[in-house]
Amino acid sequence: MKQVARSAGIKESTFLSYVDARERIPAADVAVRIAGSLGVSVEYLVTGADTHEAEAEVFYRRYKQYEDILLALDKLSESSYTQAKTSILMMLCGYTFSDCKTRKKSI
C-alpha cells in the first residue's frame, strides 16, 4: 500500500481511503497515477474488467479465420511484408496483374 501510494504521489492515508471504500473517489488524474503504478487501466480499478482485453478477444474471434494468413505475414521480412501487403490490398480492391502491368507502363 505504501509503495503504490508513494508511486502515485499521494499520501498513504488518502490511498487507504480509496481502497477501504469510504465513499471517497479519487480525482481522474490521481486514478490515472494509481492505475499506472499498479500497471492496470483506470477502468480495471473501477469495474474489475479491462475493455482492452475484451476488445482483443472480440478481435481475435472475428479474425480467427485469417490466423494462418496472419501467421505467414508475420514471418516475412519487412520488405517482403510491404510487397505482400501492397499486392493483397490491390487484389482486394479488384486490381488484376494485367492492371498493374498497364499502370506501370503508363507511369
PDB file of N, CA and C in Angstrom:
ATOM      1  N   MET A   1       0.823  -1.188   0.000  1.00  0.00           N
ATOM      2  CA  MET A   1       0.000   0.000   0.000  1.00  0.00           C
ATOM      3  C   MET A   1       0.872   1.259   0.000  1.00  0.00           C
ATOM      4  N   LYS A   2       1.900   1.231   0.832  1.00  0.00           N
ATOM      5  CA  LYS A   2       2.790   2.387   0.903  1.00  0.00           C
ATOM      6  C   LYS A   2       3.455   2.642  -0.443  1.00  0.00           C
ATOM      7  N   GLN A   3       3.909   1.553  -1.051  1.00  0.00           N
ATOM      8  CA  GLN A   3       4.630   1.672  -2.319  1.00  0.00           C
ATOM      9  C   GLN A   3       3.724   2.223  -3.423  1.00  0.00           C
ATOM     10  N   VAL A   4       2.500   1.749  -3.493  1.00  0.00           N
ATOM     11  CA  VAL A   4       1.565   2.238  -4.512  1.00  0.00           C
ATOM     12  C   VAL A   4       1.259   3.709  -4.272  1.00  0.00           C
ATOM     13  N   ALA A   5       0.981   4.068  -3.022  1.00  0.00           N
ATOM     14  CA  ALA A   5       0.698   5.467  -2.690  1.00  0.00           C
ATOM     15  C   ALA A   5       1.884   6.349  -3.062  1.00  0.00           C
ATOM     16  N   ARG A   6       3.079   5.911  -2.686  1.00  0.00           N
ATOM     17  CA  ARG A   6       4.286   6.678  -2.994  1.00  0.00           C
ATOM     18  C   ARG A   6       4.460   6.818  -4.509  1.00  0.00           C
ATOM     19  N   SER A   7       4.268   5.712  -5.206  1.00  0.00           N
ATOM     20  CA  SER A   7       4.421   5.711  -6.663  1.00  0.00           C
ATOM     21  C   SER A   7       3.402   6.629  -7.344  1.00  0.00           C
ATOM     22  N   ALA A   8       2.186   6.683  -6.784  1.00  0.00           N
ATOM     23  CA  ALA A   8       1.137   7.533  -7.341  1.00  0.00           C
ATOM     24  C   ALA A   8       1.256   8.986  -6.886  1.00  0.00           C
ATOM     25  N   GLY A   9       2.142   9.238  -5.921  1.00  0.00           N
ATOM     26  CA  GLY A   9       2.355  10.601  -5.447  1.00  0.00           C
ATOM     27  C   GLY A   9       1.255  11.105  -4.528  1.00  0.00           C
ATOM     28  N   ILE A  10       0.678  10.193  -3.739  1.00  0.00           N
ATOM     29  CA  ILE A  10      -0.359  10.588  -2.782  1.00  0.00           C
ATOM     30  C   ILE A  10      -0.018  10.035  -1.407  1.00  0.00           C
ATOM     31  N   LYS A  11      -0.677  10.593  -0.381  1.00  0.00           N
ATOM     32  CA  LYS A  11      -0.444  10.117   0.977  1.00  0.00           C
ATOM     33  C   LYS A  11      -1.026   8.717   1.125  1.00  0.00           C
ATOM     34  N   GLU A  12      -0.388   7.928   1.973  1.00  0.00           N
ATOM     35  CA  GLU A  12      -0.880   6.569   2.212  1.00  0.00           C
ATOM     36  C   GLU A  12      -2.290   6.594   2.790  1.00  0.00           C
ATOM     37  N   SER A  13      -2.569   7.526   3.678  1.00  0.00           N
ATOM     38  CA  SER A  13      -3.914   7.608   4.284  1.00  0.00           C
ATOM     39  C   SER A  13      -4.969   7.928   3.219  1.00  0.00           C
ATOM     40  N   THR A  14      -4.611   8.767   2.274  1.00  0.00           N
ATOM     41  CA  THR A  14      -5.524   9.096   1.177  1.00  0.00           C
ATOM     42  C   THR A  14      -5.780   7.863   0.325  1.00  0.00           C
ATOM     43  N   PHE A  15      -4.696   7.160  -0.002  1.00  0.00           N
ATOM     44  CA  PHE A  15      -4.829   5.935  -0.797  1.00  0.00           C
ATOM     45  C   PHE A  15      -5.704   4.919  -0.069  1.00  0.00           C
ATOM     46  N   LEU A  16      -5.476   4.764   1.236  1.00  0.00           N
ATOM     47  CA  LEU A  16      -6.274   3.817   2.025  1.00  0.00           C
ATOM     48  C   LEU A  16      -7.748   4.202   2.044  1.00  0.00           C
ATOM     49  N   SER A  17      -8.037   5.495   2.005  1.00  0.00           N
ATOM     50  CA  SER A  17      -9.446   5.914   1.985  1.00  0.00           C
ATOM     51  C   SER A  17     -10.120   5.501   0.678  1.00  0.00           C
ATOM     52  N   TYR A  18      -9.356   5.423  -0.393  1.00  0.00           N
ATOM     53  CA  TYR A  18      -9.909   4.945  -1.667  1.00  0.00           C
ATOM     54  C   TYR A  18     -10.088   3.430  -1.621  1.00  0.00           C
ATOM     55  N   VAL A  19      -9.107   2.734  -1.092  1.00  0.00           N
ATOM     56  CA  VAL A  19      -9.131   1.274  -1.039  1.00  0.00           C
ATOM     57  C   VAL A  19     -10.212   0.772  -0.086  1.00  0.00           C
ATOM     58  N   ASP A  20     -10.351   1.423   1.049  1.00  0.00           N
ATOM     59  CA  ASP A  20     -11.333   0.993   2.047  1.00  0.00           C
ATOM     60  C   ASP A  20     -12.764   1.351   1.656  1.00  0.00           C
ATOM     61  N   ALA A  21     -12.937   1.979   0.526  1.00  0.00           N
ATOM     62  CA  ALA A  21     -14.261   2.348   0.008  1.00  0.00           C
ATOM     63  C   ALA A  21     -15.041   3.204   1.001  1.00  0.00           C
ATOM     64  N   ARG A  22     -14.380   4.218   1.502  1.00  0.00           N
ATOM     65  CA  ARG A  22     -15.043   5.145   2.430  1.00  0.00           C
ATOM     66  C   ARG A  22     -15.815   6.207   1.651  1.00  0.00           C
ATOM     67  N   GLU A  23     -16.286   5.790   0.499  1.00  0.00           N
ATOM     68  CA  GLU A  23     -17.035   6.658  -0.399  1.00  0.00           C
ATOM     69  C   GLU A  23     -16.194   7.834  -0.898  1.00  0.00           C
ATOM     70  N   ARG A  24     -14.905   7.633  -0.909  1.00  0.00           N
ATOM     71  CA  ARG A  24     -14.009   8.642  -1.486  1.00  0.00           C
ATOM     72  C   ARG A  24     -13.574   8.136  -2.840  1.00  0.00           C
ATOM     73  N   ILE A  25     -13.741   8.946  -3.831  1.00  0.00           N
ATOM     74  CA  ILE A  25     -13.340   8.599  -5.194  1.00  0.00           C
ATOM     75  C   ILE A  25     -12.213   9.545  -5.584  1.00  0.00           C
ATOM     76  N   PRO A  26     -11.124   9.005  -6.062  1.00  0.00           N
ATOM     77  CA  PRO A  26     -10.009   9.884  -6.434  1.00  0.00           C
ATOM     78  C   PRO A  26     -10.339  10.710  -7.667  1.00  0.00           C
ATOM     79  N   ALA A  27      -9.695  11.844  -7.766  1.00  0.00           N
ATOM     80  CA  ALA A  27      -9.807  12.661  -8.971  1.00  0.00           C
ATOM     81  C   ALA A  27      -9.243  11.857 -10.143  1.00  0.00           C
ATOM     82  N   ALA A  28      -9.660  12.203 -11.336  1.00  0.00           N
ATOM     83  CA  ALA A  28      -9.258  11.450 -12.526  1.00  0.00           C
ATOM     84  C   ALA A  28      -7.742  11.345 -12.646  1.00  0.00           C
ATOM     85  N   ASP A  29      -7.027  12.454 -12.425  1.00  0.00           N
ATOM     86  CA  ASP A  29      -5.570  12.406 -12.570  1.00  0.00           C
ATOM     87  C   ASP A  29      -4.937  11.500 -11.524  1.00  0.00           C
ATOM     88  N   VAL A  30      -5.504  11.452 -10.330  1.00  0.00           N
ATOM     89  CA  VAL A  30      -4.989  10.577  -9.278  1.00  0.00           C
ATOM     90  C   VAL A  30      -5.285   9.121  -9.632  1.00  0.00           C
ATOM     91  N   ALA A  31      -6.489   8.864 -10.142  1.00  0.00           N
ATOM     92  CA  ALA A  31      -6.846   7.500 -10.555  1.00  0.00           C
ATOM     93  C   ALA A  31      -5.910   7.004 -11.649  1.00  0.00           C
ATOM     94  N   VAL A  32      -5.553   7.879 -12.565  1.00  0.00           N
ATOM     95  CA  VAL A  32      -4.618   7.516 -13.634  1.00  0.00           C
ATOM     96  C   VAL A  32      -3.259   7.164 -13.043  1.00  0.00           C
ATOM     97  N   ARG A  33      -2.801   7.959 -12.072  1.00  0.00           N
ATOM     98  CA  ARG A  33      -1.495   7.674 -11.447  1.00  0.00           C
ATOM     99  C   ARG A  33      -1.533   6.365 -10.665  1.00  0.00           C
ATOM    100  N   ILE A  34      -2.621   6.108  -9.952  1.00  0.00           N
ATOM    101  CA  ILE A  34      -2.738   4.855  -9.198  1.00  0.00           C
ATOM    102  C   ILE A  34      -2.756   3.673 -10.162  1.00  0.00           C
ATOM    103  N   ALA A  35      -3.560   3.783 -11.207  1.00  0.00           N
ATOM    104  CA  ALA A  35      -3.638   2.699 -12.197  1.00  0.00           C
ATOM    105  C   ALA A  35      -2.266   2.460 -12.829  1.00  0.00           C
ATOM    106  N   GLY A  36      -1.578   3.546 -13.143  1.00  0.00           N
ATOM    107  CA  GLY A  36      -0.242   3.420 -13.735  1.00  0.00           C
ATOM    108  C   GLY A  36       0.735   2.743 -12.804  1.00  0.00           C
ATOM    109  N   SER A  37       0.667   3.061 -11.529  1.00  0.00           N
ATOM    110  CA  SER A  37       1.598   2.448 -10.579  1.00  0.00           C
ATOM    111  C   SER A  37       1.297   0.969 -10.378  1.00  0.00           C
ATOM    112  N   LEU A  38       0.038   0.574 -10.611  1.00  0.00           N
ATOM    113  CA  LEU A  38      -0.337  -0.838 -10.483  1.00  0.00           C
ATOM    114  C   LEU A  38      -0.229  -1.599 -11.806  1.00  0.00           C
ATOM    115  N   GLY A  39      -0.035  -0.835 -12.889  1.00  0.00           N
ATOM    116  CA  GLY A  39       0.074  -1.475 -14.204  1.00  0.00           C
ATOM    117  C   GLY A  39      -1.259  -1.964 -14.752  1.00  0.00           C
ATOM    118  N   VAL A  40      -2.340  -1.254 -14.402  1.00  0.00           N
ATOM    119  CA  VAL A  40      -3.671  -1.611 -14.899  1.00  0.00           C
ATOM    120  C   VAL A  40      -4.340  -0.357 -15.460  1.00  0.00           C
ATOM    121  N   SER A  41      -5.495  -0.534 -16.093  1.00  0.00           N
ATOM    122  CA  SER A  41      -6.245   0.617 -16.593  1.00  0.00           C
ATOM    123  C   SER A  41      -7.117   1.185 -15.482  1.00  0.00           C
ATOM    124  N   VAL A  42      -7.524   2.434 -15.640  1.00  0.00           N
ATOM    125  CA  VAL A  42      -8.446   3.044 -14.685  1.00  0.00           C
ATOM    126  C   VAL A  42      -9.754   2.262 -14.698  1.00  0.00           C
ATOM    127  N   GLU A  43     -10.176   1.833 -15.862  1.00  0.00           N
ATOM    128  CA  GLU A  43     -11.405   1.037 -15.962  1.00  0.00           C
ATOM    129  C   GLU A  43     -11.314  -0.211 -15.098  1.00  0.00           C
ATOM    130  N   TYR A  44     -10.159  -0.835 -15.095  1.00  0.00           N
ATOM    131  CA  TYR A  44      -9.986  -2.026 -14.270  1.00  0.00           C
ATOM    132  C   TYR A  44     -10.122  -1.686 -12.782  1.00  0.00           C
ATOM    133  N   LEU A  45      -9.594  -0.545 -12.375  1.00  0.00           N
ATOM    134  CA  LEU A  45      -9.727  -0.134 -10.976  1.00  0.00           C
ATOM    135  C   LEU A  45     -11.191   0.027 -10.586  1.00  0.00           C
ATOM    136  N   VAL A  46     -11.986   0.559 -11.507  1.00  0.00           N
ATOM    137  CA  VAL A  46     -13.387   0.852 -11.211  1.00  0.00           C
ATOM    138  C   VAL A  46     -14.278  -0.383 -11.330  1.00  0.00           C
ATOM    139  N   THR A  47     -14.070  -1.159 -12.422  1.00  0.00           N
ATOM    140  CA  THR A  47     -15.004  -2.247 -12.719  1.00  0.00           C
ATOM    141  C   THR A  47     -14.441  -3.645 -12.489  1.00  0.00           C
ATOM    142  N   GLY A  48     -13.141  -3.754 -12.437  1.00  0.00           N
ATOM    143  CA  GLY A  48     -12.525  -5.078 -12.334  1.00  0.00           C
ATOM    144  C   GLY A  48     -12.388  -5.752 -13.686  1.00  0.00           C
ATOM    145  N   ALA A  49     -12.808  -5.067 -14.744  1.00  0.00           N
ATOM    146  CA  ALA A  49     -12.692  -5.600 -16.107  1.00  0.00           C
ATOM    147  C   ALA A  49     -11.906  -4.609 -16.949  1.00  0.00           C
ATOM    148  N   ASP A  50     -11.259  -5.116 -17.957  1.00  0.00           N
ATOM    149  CA  ASP A  50     -10.462  -4.264 -18.832  1.00  0.00           C
ATOM    150  C   ASP A  50     -11.003  -4.378 -20.253  1.00  0.00           C
ATOM    151  N   THR A  51     -11.542  -3.277 -20.780  1.00  0.00           N
ATOM    152  CA  THR A  51     -12.128  -3.268 -22.115  1.00  0.00           C
ATOM    153  C   THR A  51     -11.123  -3.698 -23.163  1.00  0.00           C
ATOM    154  N   HIS A  52      -9.859  -3.317 -22.986  1.00  0.00           N
ATOM    155  CA  HIS A  52      -8.855  -3.673 -23.986  1.00  0.00           C
ATOM    156  C   HIS A  52      -8.751  -5.175 -24.139  1.00  0.00           C
ATOM    157  N   GLU A  53      -8.818  -5.894 -23.030  1.00  0.00           N
ATOM    158  CA  GLU A  53      -8.780  -7.353 -23.109  1.00  0.00           C
ATOM    159  C   GLU A  53     -10.023  -7.875 -23.810  1.00  0.00           C
ATOM    160  N   ALA A  54     -11.186  -7.325 -23.477  1.00  0.00           N
ATOM    161  CA  ALA A  54     -12.433  -7.747 -24.113  1.00  0.00           C
ATOM    162  C   ALA A  54     -12.403  -7.438 -25.604  1.00  0.00           C
ATOM    163  N   GLU A  55     -11.888  -6.258 -25.956  1.00  0.00           N
ATOM    164  CA  GLU A  55     -11.780  -5.891 -27.371  1.00  0.00           C
ATOM    165  C   GLU A  55     -10.832  -6.828 -28.103  1.00  0.00           C
ATOM    166  N   ALA A  56      -9.751  -7.203 -27.449  1.00  0.00           N
ATOM    167  CA  ALA A  56      -8.799  -8.126 -28.066  1.00  0.00           C
ATOM    168  C   ALA A  56      -9.441  -9.490 -28.296  1.00  0.00           C
ATOM    169  N   GLU A  57     -10.246  -9.934 -27.341  1.00  0.00           N
ATOM    170  CA  GLU A  57     -10.931 -11.215 -27.504  1.00  0.00           C
ATOM    171  C   GLU A  57     -11.921 -11.163 -28.663  1.00  0.00           C
ATOM    172  N   VAL A  58     -12.669 -10.078 -28.785  1.00  0.00           N
ATOM    173  CA  VAL A  58     -13.618  -9.916 -29.887  1.00  0.00           C
ATOM    174  C   VAL A  58     -12.864  -9.884 -31.216  1.00  0.00           C
ATOM    175  N   PHE A  59     -11.773  -9.131 -31.242  1.00  0.00           N
ATOM    176  CA  PHE A  59     -10.954  -9.040 -32.452  1.00  0.00           C
ATOM    177  C   PHE A  59     -10.448 -10.423 -32.843  1.00  0.00           C
ATOM    178  N   TYR A  60      -9.934 -11.150 -31.864  1.00  0.00           N
ATOM    179  CA  TYR A  60      -9.390 -12.478 -32.137  1.00  0.00           C
ATOM    180  C   TYR A  60     -10.477 -13.409 -32.679  1.00  0.00           C
ATOM    181  N   ARG A  61     -11.641 -13.418 -32.041  1.00  0.00           N
ATOM    182  CA  ARG A  61     -12.722 -14.289 -32.524  1.00  0.00           C
ATOM    183  C   ARG A  61     -13.147 -13.910 -33.938  1.00  0.00           C
ATOM    184  N   ARG A  62     -13.216 -12.596 -34.193  1.00  0.00           N
ATOM    185  CA  ARG A  62     -13.667 -12.120 -35.503  1.00  0.00           C
ATOM    186  C   ARG A  62     -12.682 -12.497 -36.612  1.00  0.00           C
ATOM    187  N   TYR A  63     -11.404 -12.426 -36.320  1.00  0.00           N
ATOM    188  CA  TYR A  63     -10.395 -12.649 -37.358  1.00  0.00           C
ATOM    189  C   TYR A  63      -9.668 -13.987 -37.223  1.00  0.00           C
ATOM    190  N   LYS A  64     -10.144 -14.865 -36.378  1.00  0.00           N
ATOM    191  CA  LYS A  64      -9.516 -16.179 -36.182  1.00  0.00           C
ATOM    192  C   LYS A  64      -9.409 -16.928 -37.500  1.00  0.00           C
ATOM    193  N   GLN A  65     -10.403 -16.769 -38.359  1.00  0.00           N
ATOM    194  CA  GLN A  65     -10.397 -17.470 -39.643  1.00  0.00           C
ATOM    195  C   GLN A  65      -9.196 -17.078 -40.519  1.00  0.00           C
ATOM    196  N   TYR A  66      -8.581 -15.953 -40.244  1.00  0.00           N
ATOM    197  CA  TYR A  66      -7.433 -15.482 -41.028  1.00  0.00           C
ATOM    198  C   TYR A  66      -6.101 -15.759 -40.324  1.00  0.00           C
ATOM    199  N   GLU A  67      -6.151 -16.530 -39.274  1.00  0.00           N
ATOM    200  CA  GLU A  67      -4.961 -16.769 -38.462  1.00  0.00           C
ATOM    201  C   GLU A  67      -3.788 -17.305 -39.279  1.00  0.00           C
ATOM    202  N   ASP A  68      -4.043 -18.249 -40.179  1.00  0.00           N
ATOM    203  CA  ASP A  68      -2.959 -18.827 -40.974  1.00  0.00           C
ATOM    204  C   ASP A  68      -2.300 -17.780 -41.871  1.00  0.00           C
ATOM    205  N   ILE A  69      -3.101 -16.891 -42.428  1.00  0.00           N
ATOM    206  CA  ILE A  69      -2.565 -15.838 -43.287  1.00  0.00           C
ATOM    207  C   ILE A  69      -1.748 -14.850 -42.454  1.00  0.00           C
ATOM    208  N   LEU A  70      -2.282 -14.467 -41.298  1.00  0.00           N
ATOM    209  CA  LEU A  70      -1.582 -13.513 -40.435  1.00  0.00           C
ATOM    210  C   LEU A  70      -0.265 -14.081 -39.925  1.00  0.00           C
ATOM    211  N   LEU A  71      -0.263 -15.368 -39.580  1.00  0.00           N
ATOM    212  CA  LEU A  71       0.979 -16.000 -39.127  1.00  0.00           C
ATOM    213  C   LEU A  71       2.023 -16.021 -40.236  1.00  0.00           C
ATOM    214  N   ALA A  72       1.576 -16.291 -41.468  1.00  0.00           N
ATOM    215  CA  ALA A  72       2.506 -16.291 -42.605  1.00  0.00           C
ATOM    216  C   ALA A  72       3.050 -14.888 -42.853  1.00  0.00           C
ATOM    217  N   LEU A  73       2.195 -13.878 -42.776  1.00  0.00           N
ATOM    218  CA  LEU A  73       2.639 -12.495 -42.959  1.00  0.00           C
ATOM    219  C   LEU A  73       3.619 -12.081 -41.867  1.00  0.00           C
ATOM    220  N   ASP A  74       3.381 -12.556 -40.664  1.00  0.00           N
ATOM    221  CA  ASP A  74       4.231 -12.209 -39.530  1.00  0.00           C
ATOM    222  C   ASP A  74       5.652 -12.750 -39.687  1.00  0.00           C
ATOM    223  N   LYS A  75       5.816 -13.802 -40.459  1.00  0.00           N
ATOM    224  CA  LYS A  75       7.133 -14.409 -40.659  1.00  0.00           C
ATOM    225  C   LYS A  75       7.958 -13.700 -41.737  1.00  0.00           C
ATOM    226  N   LEU A  76       7.323 -12.816 -42.510  1.00  0.00           N
ATOM    227  CA  LEU A  76       8.013 -12.153 -43.614  1.00  0.00           C
ATOM    228  C   LEU A  76       8.960 -11.062 -43.116  1.00  0.00           C
ATOM    229  N   SER A  77       9.989 -10.808 -43.908  1.00  0.00           N
ATOM    230  CA  SER A  77      10.848  -9.657 -43.629  1.00  0.00           C
ATOM    231  C   SER A  77      10.031  -8.395 -43.879  1.00  0.00           C
ATOM    232  N   GLU A  78      10.527  -7.266 -43.418  1.00  0.00           N
ATOM    233  CA  GLU A  78       9.782  -6.017 -43.581  1.00  0.00           C
ATOM    234  C   GLU A  78       9.534  -5.686 -45.048  1.00  0.00           C
ATOM    235  N   SER A  79      10.554  -5.860 -45.895  1.00  0.00           N
ATOM    236  CA  SER A  79      10.373  -5.537 -47.318  1.00  0.00           C
ATOM    237  C   SER A  79       9.412  -6.524 -47.990  1.00  0.00           C
ATOM    238  N   SER A  80       9.507  -7.804 -47.637  1.00  0.00           N
ATOM    239  CA  SER A  80       8.578  -8.783 -48.202  1.00  0.00           C
ATOM    240  C   SER A  80       7.155  -8.516 -47.734  1.00  0.00           C
ATOM    241  N   TYR A  81       7.025  -8.133 -46.472  1.00  0.00           N
ATOM    242  CA  TYR A  81       5.702  -7.807 -45.942  1.00  0.00           C
ATOM    243  C   TYR A  81       5.098  -6.630 -46.696  1.00  0.00           C
ATOM    244  N   THR A  82       5.899  -5.594 -46.942  1.00  0.00           N
ATOM    245  CA  THR A  82       5.410  -4.413 -47.656  1.00  0.00           C
ATOM    246  C   THR A  82       4.918  -4.789 -49.044  1.00  0.00           C
ATOM    247  N   GLN A  83       5.677  -5.619 -49.749  1.00  0.00           N
ATOM    248  CA  GLN A  83       5.266  -6.066 -51.082  1.00  0.00           C
ATOM    249  C   GLN A  83       3.997  -6.913 -51.010  1.00  0.00           C
ATOM    250  N   ALA A  84       3.947  -7.822 -50.057  1.00  0.00           N
ATOM    251  CA  ALA A  84       2.776  -8.687 -49.906  1.00  0.00           C
ATOM    252  C   ALA A  84       1.539  -7.859 -49.555  1.00  0.00           C
ATOM    253  N   LYS A  85       1.708  -6.913 -48.661  1.00  0.00           N
ATOM    254  CA  LYS A  85       0.587  -6.065 -48.247  1.00  0.00           C
ATOM    255  C   LYS A  85       0.039  -5.302 -49.438  1.00  0.00           C
ATOM    256  N   THR A  86       0.925  -4.709 -50.233  1.00  0.00           N
ATOM    257  CA  THR A  86       0.507  -3.960 -51.420  1.00  0.00           C
ATOM    258  C   THR A  86      -0.245  -4.870 -52.378  1.00  0.00           C
ATOM    259  N   SER A  87       0.291  -6.049 -52.630  1.00  0.00           N
ATOM    260  CA  SER A  87      -0.349  -6.989 -53.547  1.00  0.00           C
ATOM    261  C   SER A  87      -1.719  -7.419 -53.042  1.00  0.00           C
ATOM    262  N   ILE A  88      -1.801  -7.719 -51.771  1.00  0.00           N
ATOM    263  CA  ILE A  88      -3.073  -8.162 -51.189  1.00  0.00           C
ATOM    264  C   ILE A  88      -4.111  -7.051 -51.263  1.00  0.00           C
ATOM    265  N   LEU A  89      -3.719  -5.839 -50.895  1.00  0.00           N
ATOM    266  CA  LEU A  89      -4.663  -4.723 -50.943  1.00  0.00           C
ATOM    267  C   LEU A  89      -5.123  -4.437 -52.360  1.00  0.00           C
ATOM    268  N   MET A  90      -4.219  -4.523 -53.312  1.00  0.00           N
ATOM    269  CA  MET A  90      -4.601  -4.306 -54.714  1.00  0.00           C
ATOM    270  C   MET A  90      -5.579  -5.388 -55.159  1.00  0.00           C
ATOM    271  N   MET A  91      -5.311  -6.633 -54.792  1.00  0.00           N
ATOM    272  CA  MET A  91      -6.202  -7.728 -55.158  1.00  0.00           C
ATOM    273  C   MET A  91      -7.583  -7.520 -54.539  1.00  0.00           C
ATOM    274  N   LEU A  92      -7.617  -7.128 -53.269  1.00  0.00           N
ATOM    275  CA  LEU A  92      -8.892  -6.915 -52.593  1.00  0.00           C
ATOM    276  C   LEU A  92      -9.677  -5.752 -53.188  1.00  0.00           C
ATOM    277  N   CYS A  93      -8.969  -4.808 -53.786  1.00  0.00           N
ATOM    278  CA  CYS A  93      -9.634  -3.661 -54.419  1.00  0.00           C
ATOM    279  C   CYS A  93     -10.015  -3.954 -55.867  1.00  0.00           C
ATOM    280  N   GLY A  94      -9.733  -5.171 -56.325  1.00  0.00           N
ATOM    281  CA  GLY A  94     -10.165  -5.570 -57.656  1.00  0.00           C
ATOM    282  C   GLY A  94      -9.137  -5.420 -58.768  1.00  0.00           C
ATOM    283  N   TYR A  95      -7.907  -5.056 -58.415  1.00  0.00           N
ATOM    284  CA  TYR A  95      -6.878  -4.957 -59.438  1.00  0.00           C
ATOM    285  C   TYR A  95      -6.434  -6.350 -59.864  1.00  0.00           C
ATOM    286  N   THR A  96      -6.087  -6.468 -61.118  1.00  0.00           N
ATOM    287  CA  THR A  96      -5.528  -7.726 -61.620  1.00  0.00           C
ATOM    288  C   THR A  96      -4.070  -7.510 -61.971  1.00  0.00           C
ATOM    289  N   PHE A  97      -3.365  -8.588 -62.254  1.00  0.00           N
ATOM    290  CA  PHE A  97      -1.963  -8.484 -62.633  1.00  0.00           C
ATOM    291  C   PHE A  97      -1.820  -7.647 -63.898  1.00  0.00           C
ATOM    292  N   SER A  98      -2.727  -7.828 -64.863  1.00  0.00           N
ATOM    293  CA  SER A  98      -2.642  -7.055 -66.109  1.00  0.00           C
ATOM    294  C   SER A  98      -2.884  -5.564 -65.849  1.00  0.00           C
ATOM    295  N   ASP A  99      -3.752  -5.238 -64.855  1.00  0.00           N
ATOM    296  CA  ASP A  99      -3.950  -3.831 -64.478  1.00  0.00           C
ATOM    297  C   ASP A  99      -2.642  -3.222 -64.006  1.00  0.00           C
ATOM    298  N   CYS A 100      -1.901  -3.977 -63.234  1.00  0.00           N
ATOM    299  CA  CYS A 100      -0.625  -3.493 -62.684  1.00  0.00           C
ATOM    300  C   CYS A 100       0.383  -3.266 -63.801  1.00  0.00           C
ATOM    301  N   LYS A 101       0.454  -4.184 -64.739  1.00  0.00           N
ATOM    302  CA  LYS A 101       1.407  -4.047 -65.849  1.00  0.00           C
ATOM    303  C   LYS A 101       1.046  -2.828 -66.691  1.00  0.00           C
ATOM    304  N   THR A 102      -0.247  -2.612 -66.966  1.00  0.00           N
ATOM    305  CA  THR A 102      -0.695  -1.471 -67.743  1.00  0.00           C
ATOM    306  C   THR A 102      -0.398  -0.171 -67.011  1.00  0.00           C
ATOM    307  N   ARG A 103      -0.664  -0.158 -65.744  1.00  0.00           N
ATOM    308  CA  ARG A 103      -0.442   1.030 -64.917  1.00  0.00           C
ATOM    309  C   ARG A 103       1.048   1.364 -64.870  1.00  0.00           C
ATOM    310  N   LYS A 104       1.912   0.335 -64.757  1.00  0.00           N
ATOM    311  CA  LYS A 104       3.348   0.553 -64.692  1.00  0.00           C
ATOM    312  C   LYS A 104       3.848   1.199 -65.975  1.00  0.00           C
ATOM    313  N   LYS A 105       3.321   0.759 -67.109  1.00  0.00           N
ATOM    314  CA  LYS A 105       3.733   1.330 -68.393  1.00  0.00           C
ATOM    315  C   LYS A 105       3.312   2.792 -68.508  1.00  0.00           C
ATOM    316  N   SER A 106       2.149   3.134 -67.952  1.00  0.00           N
ATOM    317  CA  SER A 106       1.656   4.499 -68.076  1.00  0.00           C
ATOM    318  C   SER A 106       2.359   5.463 -67.138  1.00  0.00           C
ATOM    319  N   ILE A 107       3.023   4.947 -66.135  1.00  0.00           N
ATOM    320  CA  ILE A 107       3.718   5.804 -65.164  1.00  0.00           C
ATOM    321  C   ILE A 107       5.032   6.185 -65.657  1.00  0.00           C
TER     322      ILE A 107
END
